[in-house]
Amino acid sequence: MTAPSPQSLVEHALATSVADDCIAIVRSSSSANLRWANNTLTTNGAMHGTAVTVISFVRRADGTAVGSVTGSATSPDRVSALVEAADAAARAGSVAEDVADLVAGDESADWHEEPGSTSIAVYERFAPALGDAFAKAESESRILYGFVNHEVATTYLGSSTGLRLRHEQPTGHYGCTGKTTDLTQSAWVGGATRDFEDVDAARMDATLAQRLAWGTRRVDLPAGRYDTILPPTAVADLMIDAYWGAGARVAHEGQSVFSKRGGGTRIGEQIVKAGVDLFSDPAYPALGCAPFALATSSGNVSSVFDNGLPLQRTSWIRDGRLASLIQTRHSAGLTEQPVTPGIDNLILSVDGASGDEMDLVASTERGLLLTCLWYIREVDPQSMLLTGLTRDGVYLVENGEITGAVNNFRFNESPIDLLNRFTHASSTVPSFSREWGDDYFSRTATPALRVPDFNMSSVSQAL
């Protein structure tokens, strides 16, 4: 039997619901992955799935209540069960505080298209080159461990107000760790991709070989403040945290670094260096994402009532000034600011910056070059103080050259403070967060930054 189309599942949900209004979101996903260890491919797999979210709205004398239920569903019967559960949750629920008119609209031009898909064939160029990299690593006493994943997720959003929207999202990433055969050194390289056409296994291995060679000399350093070069991947790690903490409501309520003393938000204030821009854009080249809002539940930075709102380029920081915070229509009413929903990519740029991280190394008399950060956690939302660990490669820079590997550290820093204190920046390039990119947020473009007094608060014994 032919499986029901995602569009038919949306229509079935909308027709079955007995609530006053209904939104149905169907996400059809297809993914393929490879995993390797000890210079050998260990597993590969392909997966397909369909997730359905039904959001029911019940109007009452005291307001509108909402019920939202998500589950795996590939048949009308299963969708009917989700609808029944969502309708019941709405009838039993309390009144929603973020009530707004549901977005109305027409069908998007691609509504009737089938969902996109991927397969192991996406690696037809990468896999043979990876085999060659295994052989080269083996001959040069290196061990490679890693993982690649590619997914194509197609989302269909329909509402009882006539909205019918579709978005196809390709997402891929790679990560590879190289170790010496005695397991005393470790280095990592990773990145994001839309189709694996731009991923070069030979270059990946060459980068690891270079970094392991830098570690031939070992230097132990104490905790302290160091002139530190953060590569684009580490900057992405920190900027994602800054973005996730940029909710307008929590700022308006005095709970974040974006809160104004005495009440309200800091929108319009100079919060970082002039020339710094932080923005999101659904149409940004190679980082394109959904051009409309998607929310399966309501919270500080999302509202189910906003599903389908059109998204456009939004500046969060413009020339150093806080330009916007993540706003639902509800929080925009509280803050009296424009509606600026969250967008699934993030770009940081510095006016006039050029070159890359190695150019920053060349201009450094003595300092550290990081590879990536790990286990990042928020310590204080009022200053956005974060703590975390360095991982898989911290290198000593002396007179513009890398002269050895250094022990790992725990750090304590605020990304907002860093954007005030950095002294040099490179060009903005597509980047990939080691901490958040695999599962949560993979579409970033960031520069490398040189910070003269990065706080390495204690020594870590991690490799």
Protein backbone atom coordinates (compact mmCIF):
# COMPACT_ATOMS: atom_id res chain seq x y z
CA MET A 1 0.00 0.00 0.00
CA THR A 2 1.12 3.54 -0.72
CA ALA A 3 1.79 5.52 2.44
CA PRO A 4 -0.35 8.65 2.91
CA SER A 5 1.36 11.84 1.82
CA PRO A 6 2.37 14.41 4.45
CA GLN A 7 -0.14 16.82 2.93
CA SER A 8 -2.97 14.31 3.36
CA LEU A 9 -1.98 13.81 7.01
CA VAL A 10 -2.20 17.58 7.53
CA GLU A 11 -5.62 17.72 5.89
CA HIS A 12 -6.85 14.72 7.88
CA ALA A 13 -5.82 16.35 11.16
CA LEU A 14 -7.55 19.61 10.29
CA ALA A 15 -10.72 17.84 9.17
CA THR A 16 -10.83 15.55 12.22
CA SER A 17 -10.34 18.15 14.95
CA VAL A 18 -13.49 19.39 16.69
CA ALA A 19 -11.65 22.30 18.31
CA ASP A 20 -12.42 25.88 17.27
CA ASP A 21 -9.12 26.11 15.41
CA CYS A 22 -6.32 23.69 14.63
CA ILE A 23 -2.76 23.70 13.32
CA ALA A 24 -1.10 20.55 11.99
CA ILE A 25 2.64 20.25 11.41
CA VAL A 26 4.05 17.20 9.66
CA ARG A 27 7.83 16.70 9.53
CA SER A 28 9.05 14.03 7.12
CA SER A 29 12.74 13.24 7.61
CA SER A 30 15.26 11.10 5.81
CA SER A 31 18.83 10.64 7.05
CA ALA A 32 21.98 8.66 6.34
CA ASN A 33 25.12 8.30 8.44
CA LEU A 34 28.57 6.75 8.58
CA ARG A 35 30.69 6.07 11.67
CA TRP A 36 34.34 5.05 11.89
CA ALA A 37 36.94 4.13 14.53
CA ASN A 38 40.52 2.83 14.48
CA ASN A 39 40.85 3.80 10.80
CA THR A 40 37.97 1.53 9.84
CA LEU A 41 34.37 2.19 8.86
CA THR A 42 32.28 0.60 11.62
CA THR A 43 28.62 1.32 10.87
CA ASN A 44 26.36 2.95 8.35
CA GLY A 45 22.64 3.47 8.40
CA ALA A 46 19.66 5.16 6.82
CA MET A 47 16.49 6.21 8.61
CA HIS A 48 13.11 7.62 7.68
CA GLY A 49 10.49 9.07 9.99
CA THR A 50 7.34 11.13 10.12
CA ALA A 51 6.45 13.24 13.16
CA VAL A 52 3.10 14.96 13.48
CA THR A 53 2.20 17.80 15.83
CA VAL A 54 -1.44 18.72 16.34
CA ILE A 55 -2.21 22.02 18.09
CA SER A 56 -5.83 22.54 19.09
CA PHE A 57 -7.36 25.85 20.14
CA VAL A 58 -10.56 26.03 22.18
CA ARG A 59 -12.18 29.42 22.73
CA ARG A 60 -13.92 30.00 26.06
CA ALA A 61 -15.55 32.93 27.79
CA ASP A 62 -12.31 33.66 29.69
CA GLY A 63 -9.96 33.23 26.72
CA THR A 64 -8.41 30.56 24.50
CA ALA A 65 -6.92 27.32 25.74
CA VAL A 66 -4.36 25.32 23.77
CA GLY A 67 -3.47 21.64 23.58
CA SER A 68 -0.40 20.43 21.68
CA VAL A 69 0.51 16.79 21.10
CA THR A 70 3.40 15.38 19.05
CA GLY A 71 3.97 11.80 18.00
CA SER A 72 5.18 9.52 15.24
CA ALA A 73 2.40 8.99 12.74
CA THR A 74 2.23 7.55 9.24
CA SER A 75 -1.46 6.68 9.05
CA PRO A 76 -4.77 8.55 9.35
CA ASP A 77 -5.72 6.42 12.37
CA ARG A 78 -2.60 7.46 14.25
CA VAL A 79 -3.18 11.10 13.32
CA SER A 80 -6.76 10.81 14.58
CA ALA A 81 -5.43 9.65 17.95
CA LEU A 82 -3.13 12.67 18.14
CA VAL A 83 -6.01 14.99 17.23
CA GLU A 84 -8.23 13.48 19.91
CA ALA A 85 -5.47 13.92 22.51
CA ALA A 86 -4.79 17.53 21.47
CA ASP A 87 -8.48 18.44 21.48
CA ALA A 88 -8.87 16.92 24.95
CA ALA A 89 -5.79 18.75 26.25
CA ALA A 90 -7.16 22.06 24.97
CA ARG A 91 -10.55 21.50 26.59
CA ALA A 92 -8.88 20.66 29.93
CA GLY A 93 -6.18 23.33 29.75
CA SER A 94 -5.93 26.76 31.25
CA VAL A 95 -6.22 29.94 29.19
CA ALA A 96 -3.10 30.78 27.17
CA GLU A 97 -1.49 34.15 27.93
CA ASP A 98 0.02 34.52 24.44
CA VAL A 99 -3.32 34.52 22.59
CA ALA A 100 -3.27 36.10 19.14
CA ASP A 101 -5.12 35.62 15.88
CA LEU A 102 -3.80 32.64 13.97
CA VAL A 103 -1.82 33.52 10.85
CA ALA A 104 -3.96 33.26 7.72
CA GLY A 105 -2.75 32.71 4.20
CA ASP A 106 -2.76 30.65 1.05
CA GLU A 107 -0.89 27.62 -0.22
CA SER A 108 2.80 28.04 -0.91
CA ALA A 109 3.83 27.29 -4.47
CA ASP A 110 5.58 24.05 -3.48
CA TRP A 111 2.88 22.74 -1.12
CA HIS A 112 2.02 19.73 -3.29
CA GLU A 113 5.62 18.60 -3.80
CA GLU A 114 6.80 15.32 -2.26
CA PRO A 115 9.16 15.45 0.73
CA GLY A 116 12.87 15.53 -0.01
CA SER A 117 15.08 12.59 0.84
CA THR A 118 18.68 11.49 1.17
CA SER A 119 20.52 8.17 1.16
CA ILE A 120 23.97 6.64 1.61
CA ALA A 121 24.63 7.76 -1.97
CA VAL A 122 25.22 11.28 -0.62
CA TYR A 123 28.67 9.97 0.45
CA GLU A 124 29.67 8.58 -2.96
CA ARG A 125 32.56 11.05 -3.23
CA PHE A 126 33.37 11.34 0.46
CA ALA A 127 33.50 7.63 1.37
CA PRO A 128 36.27 6.53 -1.06
CA ALA A 129 38.36 9.55 -0.04
CA LEU A 130 37.80 8.63 3.59
CA GLY A 131 39.18 5.16 2.85
CA ASP A 132 42.31 6.78 1.39
CA ALA A 133 42.58 8.94 4.53
CA PHE A 134 42.43 5.79 6.69
CA ALA A 135 45.35 4.29 4.78
CA LYS A 136 47.42 7.47 5.03
CA ALA A 137 46.70 7.85 8.74
CA GLU A 138 47.63 4.22 9.35
CA SER A 139 50.95 4.65 7.55
CA GLU A 140 51.75 7.77 9.57
CA SER A 141 50.79 6.37 13.01
CA ARG A 142 47.53 8.26 13.42
CA ILE A 143 44.13 6.88 14.42
CA LEU A 144 40.92 8.41 13.10
CA TYR A 145 37.51 8.33 14.77
CA GLY A 146 34.49 10.12 13.43
CA PHE A 147 30.90 10.43 12.32
CA VAL A 148 29.00 12.05 9.46
CA ASN A 149 25.28 12.58 9.15
CA HIS A 150 23.07 13.99 6.43
CA GLU A 151 19.38 14.72 6.81
CA VAL A 152 16.69 16.19 4.62
CA ALA A 153 13.66 17.25 6.66
CA THR A 154 10.55 18.53 4.92
CA THR A 155 8.01 20.37 7.04
CA TYR A 156 4.35 20.87 6.07
CA LEU A 157 2.32 23.35 8.10
CA GLY A 158 -1.43 23.72 7.69
CA SER A 159 -4.03 25.60 9.68
CA SER A 160 -7.79 25.92 9.87
CA THR A 161 -7.30 29.54 8.76
CA GLY A 162 -6.15 28.36 5.32
CA LEU A 163 -2.38 28.45 5.74
CA ARG A 164 -0.46 25.78 3.79
CA LEU A 165 3.32 26.10 3.94
CA ARG A 166 6.18 23.77 3.03
CA HIS A 167 9.92 23.96 3.72
CA GLU A 168 12.65 21.49 2.76
CA GLN A 169 15.77 21.66 4.93
CA PRO A 170 19.02 19.84 4.10
CA THR A 171 21.37 19.56 7.08
CA GLY A 172 24.70 17.77 7.30
CA HIS A 173 27.73 17.72 9.51
CA TYR A 174 31.04 15.91 9.89
CA GLY A 175 33.36 15.50 12.83
CA CYS A 176 36.65 13.62 13.04
CA THR A 177 39.05 13.13 15.94
CA GLY A 178 42.65 12.16 15.28
CA LYS A 179 44.89 10.58 17.89
CA THR A 180 48.48 9.45 18.01
CA THR A 181 48.85 5.67 18.30
CA ASP A 182 50.00 6.01 21.93
CA LEU A 183 46.77 7.99 22.62
CA THR A 184 48.69 10.85 24.26
CA GLN A 185 47.53 13.49 21.76
CA SER A 186 44.13 14.33 20.35
CA ALA A 187 42.86 16.79 17.73
CA TRP A 188 39.46 17.46 16.23
CA VAL A 189 38.05 18.98 13.07
CA GLY A 190 34.41 19.37 12.09
CA GLY A 191 32.01 21.35 9.97
CA ALA A 192 28.55 21.74 8.53
CA THR A 193 27.42 21.06 4.98
CA ARG A 194 24.21 20.94 2.98
CA ASP A 195 25.16 18.14 0.57
CA PHE A 196 28.72 16.81 1.30
CA GLU A 197 29.91 18.07 -2.08
CA ASP A 198 32.18 20.51 -0.23
CA VAL A 199 33.60 18.06 2.35
CA ASP A 200 37.15 16.92 1.57
CA ALA A 201 38.27 13.86 3.57
CA ALA A 202 41.91 14.34 2.54
CA ARG A 203 41.91 17.95 3.77
CA MET A 204 40.21 16.85 6.99
CA ASP A 205 42.97 14.31 7.66
CA ALA A 206 45.71 16.77 6.69
CA THR A 207 44.38 19.29 9.22
CA LEU A 208 44.42 16.64 11.95
CA ALA A 209 47.95 15.58 10.99
CA GLN A 210 49.14 19.19 11.22
CA ARG A 211 47.56 19.70 14.64
CA LEU A 212 48.99 16.45 16.00
CA ALA A 213 52.42 17.53 14.72
CA TRP A 214 52.04 20.81 16.63
CA GLY A 215 51.62 18.68 19.75
CA THR A 216 54.98 16.95 19.51
CA ARG A 217 56.18 19.43 22.11
CA ARG A 218 54.13 19.54 25.31
CA VAL A 219 54.00 22.64 27.51
CA ASP A 220 52.10 22.73 30.82
CA LEU A 221 50.71 26.11 31.78
CA PRO A 222 48.86 27.27 34.91
CA ALA A 223 45.41 28.84 35.00
CA GLY A 224 45.30 32.55 34.22
CA ARG A 225 44.34 35.11 31.63
CA TYR A 226 45.92 34.53 28.23
CA ASP A 227 46.03 36.26 24.88
CA THR A 228 43.79 33.71 23.14
CA ILE A 229 42.70 33.06 19.57
CA LEU A 230 39.23 31.56 19.28
CA PRO A 231 38.67 29.91 15.88
CA PRO A 232 35.28 30.26 14.16
CA THR A 233 34.01 26.98 15.66
CA ALA A 234 34.68 28.17 19.22
CA VAL A 235 33.13 31.57 18.47
CA ALA A 236 30.05 29.73 17.18
CA ASP A 237 29.89 27.75 20.44
CA LEU A 238 29.66 30.99 22.42
CA MET A 239 27.47 33.04 20.08
CA ILE A 240 24.76 30.36 20.04
CA ASP A 241 24.52 30.68 23.81
CA ALA A 242 24.25 34.46 23.44
CA TYR A 243 21.47 34.02 20.88
CA TRP A 244 19.54 31.54 22.98
CA GLY A 245 19.72 33.99 25.87
CA ALA A 246 18.30 36.86 23.79
CA GLY A 247 14.64 36.34 24.64
CA ALA A 248 12.74 39.62 24.86
CA ARG A 249 10.44 38.56 27.66
CA VAL A 250 13.16 37.50 30.11
CA ALA A 251 15.06 40.69 29.27
CA HIS A 252 11.94 42.78 29.88
CA GLU A 253 11.49 41.06 33.24
CA GLY A 254 15.06 41.88 34.32
CA GLN A 255 16.49 38.38 34.07
CA SER A 256 19.21 38.64 31.42
CA VAL A 257 22.26 40.54 30.26
CA PHE A 258 19.93 42.36 27.86
CA SER A 259 17.83 43.81 30.71
CA LYS A 260 17.96 47.54 31.39
CA ARG A 261 18.66 48.56 34.94
CA GLY A 262 15.44 49.90 36.37
CA GLY A 263 13.22 47.98 33.96
CA GLY A 264 12.78 47.19 30.28
CA THR A 265 15.32 46.02 27.72
CA ARG A 266 18.60 47.43 26.43
CA ILE A 267 17.41 47.65 22.83
CA GLY A 268 19.08 50.69 21.29
CA GLU A 269 22.03 50.66 23.69
CA GLN A 270 25.67 50.13 22.71
CA ILE A 271 26.42 46.72 24.23
CA VAL A 272 29.54 45.60 22.29
CA LYS A 273 32.20 47.19 20.11
CA ALA A 274 31.18 49.37 17.19
CA GLY A 275 31.43 47.49 13.90
CA VAL A 276 30.07 44.23 15.32
CA ASP A 277 26.96 42.83 13.64
CA LEU A 278 25.00 39.77 14.75
CA PHE A 279 22.05 38.80 12.59
CA SER A 280 19.92 36.00 11.17
CA ASP A 281 18.65 35.67 7.63
CA PRO A 282 16.56 32.78 6.24
CA ALA A 283 18.01 33.47 2.78
CA TYR A 284 21.69 33.68 3.79
CA PRO A 285 23.79 31.78 1.20
CA ALA A 286 24.61 28.18 2.22
CA LEU A 287 22.83 28.68 5.56
CA GLY A 288 19.24 28.98 4.32
CA CYS A 289 16.50 27.95 6.73
CA ALA A 290 12.72 28.06 7.15
CA PRO A 291 11.32 31.45 6.06
CA PHE A 292 8.36 31.18 8.43
CA ALA A 293 7.93 30.64 12.17
CA LEU A 294 7.49 27.09 13.45
CA ALA A 295 6.49 26.33 17.04
CA THR A 296 5.13 23.12 18.55
CA SER A 297 4.74 24.76 21.97
CA SER A 298 4.74 28.20 23.53
CA GLY A 299 7.52 29.56 25.73
CA ASN A 300 9.63 32.63 26.34
CA VAL A 301 10.84 32.79 22.72
CA SER A 302 8.10 30.98 20.80
CA SER A 303 4.32 30.97 20.47
CA VAL A 304 2.06 28.43 18.78
CA PHE A 305 -0.14 31.34 17.73
CA ASP A 306 2.76 32.67 15.61
CA ASN A 307 3.06 29.59 13.42
CA GLY A 308 3.47 30.69 9.81
CA LEU A 309 4.61 34.27 10.49
CA PRO A 310 6.97 35.26 7.66
CA LEU A 311 10.63 35.68 8.63
CA GLN A 312 13.19 38.03 7.13
CA ARG A 313 16.71 39.20 7.85
CA THR A 314 16.79 40.41 11.45
CA SER A 315 19.66 42.30 13.08
CA TRP A 316 20.15 41.38 16.74
CA ILE A 317 23.23 43.59 17.13
CA ARG A 318 23.90 46.31 14.58
CA ASP A 319 27.18 48.25 14.70
CA GLY A 320 27.56 47.29 18.34
CA ARG A 321 24.07 48.35 19.43
CA LEU A 322 21.39 45.92 20.55
CA ALA A 323 18.88 46.16 17.69
CA SER A 324 16.38 43.39 18.46
CA LEU A 325 15.59 40.53 20.80
CA ILE A 326 13.71 37.33 20.01
CA GLN A 327 10.06 38.46 20.13
CA THR A 328 6.76 36.68 19.85
CA ARG A 329 3.71 38.80 19.17
CA HIS A 330 2.90 38.44 22.87
CA SER A 331 6.30 39.64 24.13
CA ALA A 332 6.32 42.42 21.52
CA GLY A 333 3.16 43.71 23.14
CA LEU A 334 4.92 43.76 26.52
CA THR A 335 8.09 45.45 25.27
CA GLU A 336 6.46 47.71 22.66
CA GLN A 337 9.01 46.56 20.09
CA PRO A 338 8.57 45.04 16.61
CA VAL A 339 7.82 41.32 16.30
CA THR A 340 11.12 39.54 15.59
CA PRO A 341 10.75 35.75 15.90
CA GLY A 342 13.74 33.44 16.22
CA ILE A 343 15.41 32.24 13.02
CA ASP A 344 17.36 29.01 12.56
CA ASN A 345 20.73 30.51 11.61
CA LEU A 346 23.16 33.04 13.06
CA ILE A 347 25.87 35.20 11.49
CA LEU A 348 28.50 37.29 13.29
CA SER A 349 30.61 39.77 11.35
CA VAL A 350 33.11 42.49 12.23
CA ASP A 351 33.44 45.53 9.97
CA GLY A 352 36.78 45.62 8.15
CA ALA A 353 37.93 42.18 9.33
CA SER A 354 39.94 40.01 6.94
CA GLY A 355 42.16 36.94 6.83
CA ASP A 356 41.73 33.79 8.90
CA GLU A 357 42.74 32.40 12.28
CA MET A 358 46.31 31.70 11.13
CA ASP A 359 46.69 35.39 10.28
CA LEU A 360 45.74 36.12 13.88
CA VAL A 361 48.35 33.59 15.00
CA ALA A 362 51.00 35.33 12.89
CA SER A 363 50.40 38.64 14.68
CA THR A 364 50.49 37.18 18.21
CA GLU A 365 53.69 37.46 20.27
CA ARG A 366 52.68 34.92 22.91
CA GLY A 367 49.31 33.35 23.46
CA LEU A 368 47.05 30.36 22.93
CA LEU A 369 45.16 28.97 19.94
CA LEU A 370 42.08 26.96 20.88
CA THR A 371 40.44 24.30 18.73
CA CYS A 372 36.98 23.98 20.23
CA LEU A 373 35.01 24.24 23.46
CA TRP A 374 32.96 21.65 25.30
CA TYR A 375 30.42 21.20 28.09
CA ILE A 376 29.37 24.84 28.08
CA ARG A 377 26.93 25.84 30.79
CA GLU A 378 25.45 29.14 31.95
CA VAL A 379 26.62 30.40 35.35
CA ASP A 380 24.93 33.81 35.56
CA PRO A 381 22.22 35.00 33.12
CA GLN A 382 22.54 38.59 34.33
CA SER A 383 26.02 38.84 32.81
CA MET A 384 25.70 35.79 30.53
CA LEU A 385 28.71 34.27 32.25
CA LEU A 386 29.45 30.85 30.81
CA THR A 387 31.78 28.08 31.93
CA GLY A 388 33.12 25.18 29.94
CA LEU A 389 36.20 23.24 28.89
CA THR A 390 38.71 23.41 26.09
CA ARG A 391 39.05 20.14 24.19
CA ASP A 392 41.14 18.30 21.60
CA GLY A 393 43.87 20.83 21.10
CA VAL A 394 45.11 23.98 22.85
CA TYR A 395 48.31 25.27 21.27
CA LEU A 396 51.04 27.65 22.37
CA VAL A 397 51.79 30.58 20.06
CA GLU A 398 55.22 32.23 20.31
CA ASN A 399 56.42 34.99 17.98
CA GLY A 400 53.70 34.28 15.47
CA GLU A 401 54.28 30.53 15.29
CA ILE A 402 52.69 27.51 16.95
CA THR A 403 55.38 25.87 19.07
CA GLY A 404 53.59 23.18 21.06
CA ALA A 405 50.48 21.78 22.68
CA VAL A 406 49.22 23.00 26.04
CA ASN A 407 47.11 21.32 28.71
CA ASN A 408 43.35 21.88 28.68
CA PHE A 409 41.55 24.45 30.84
CA ARG A 410 38.18 25.30 32.31
CA PHE A 411 37.15 28.79 31.23
CA ASN A 412 34.75 31.41 32.62
CA GLU A 413 33.70 34.06 30.10
CA SER A 414 30.72 36.03 28.84
CA PRO A 415 30.26 36.18 25.04
CA ILE A 416 28.97 39.74 25.38
CA ASP A 417 32.12 40.75 27.27
CA LEU A 418 34.25 39.05 24.62
CA LEU A 419 32.61 41.14 21.90
CA ASN A 420 33.69 44.20 23.87
CA ARG A 421 37.27 43.05 24.55
CA PHE A 422 38.54 41.35 21.40
CA THR A 423 41.39 43.10 19.63
CA HIS A 424 41.43 41.37 16.23
CA ALA A 425 38.94 39.47 14.07
CA SER A 426 39.15 37.45 10.87
CA SER A 427 36.71 37.24 7.98
CA THR A 428 33.36 35.61 8.65
CA VAL A 429 33.15 32.04 7.31
CA PRO A 430 30.66 29.18 7.67
CA SER A 431 31.37 27.52 11.01
CA PHE A 432 30.19 24.63 13.12
CA SER A 433 29.68 24.51 16.87
CA ARG A 434 31.28 21.43 18.46
CA GLU A 435 28.97 21.79 21.47
CA TRP A 436 25.64 22.57 19.82
CA GLY A 437 25.95 21.81 16.12
CA ASP A 438 25.23 18.07 16.06
CA ASP A 439 21.74 18.19 17.48
CA TYR A 440 20.55 21.74 17.98
CA PHE A 441 22.00 24.54 15.86
CA SER A 442 24.27 23.86 12.90
CA ARG A 443 23.82 26.92 10.67
CA THR A 444 26.36 29.54 11.79
CA ALA A 445 28.93 31.82 10.17
CA THR A 446 31.49 33.48 12.43
CA PRO A 447 34.99 34.99 12.41
CA ALA A 448 37.95 33.98 14.53
CA LEU A 449 38.51 36.38 17.43
CA ARG A 450 41.64 37.28 19.37
CA VAL A 451 40.95 38.15 23.01
CA PRO A 452 43.89 39.59 25.02
CA ASP A 453 42.78 38.33 28.45
CA PHE A 454 40.66 35.20 28.02
CA ASN A 455 40.00 33.73 31.47
CA MET A 456 41.33 30.18 31.84
CA SER A 457 40.02 29.75 35.38
CA SER A 458 41.55 26.35 36.18
CA VAL A 459 43.52 23.52 34.61
CA SER A 460 41.58 20.55 33.22
CA GLN A 461 43.01 17.04 33.14
CA ALA A 462 41.02 16.12 30.01
CA LEU A 463 43.02 15.14 26.93
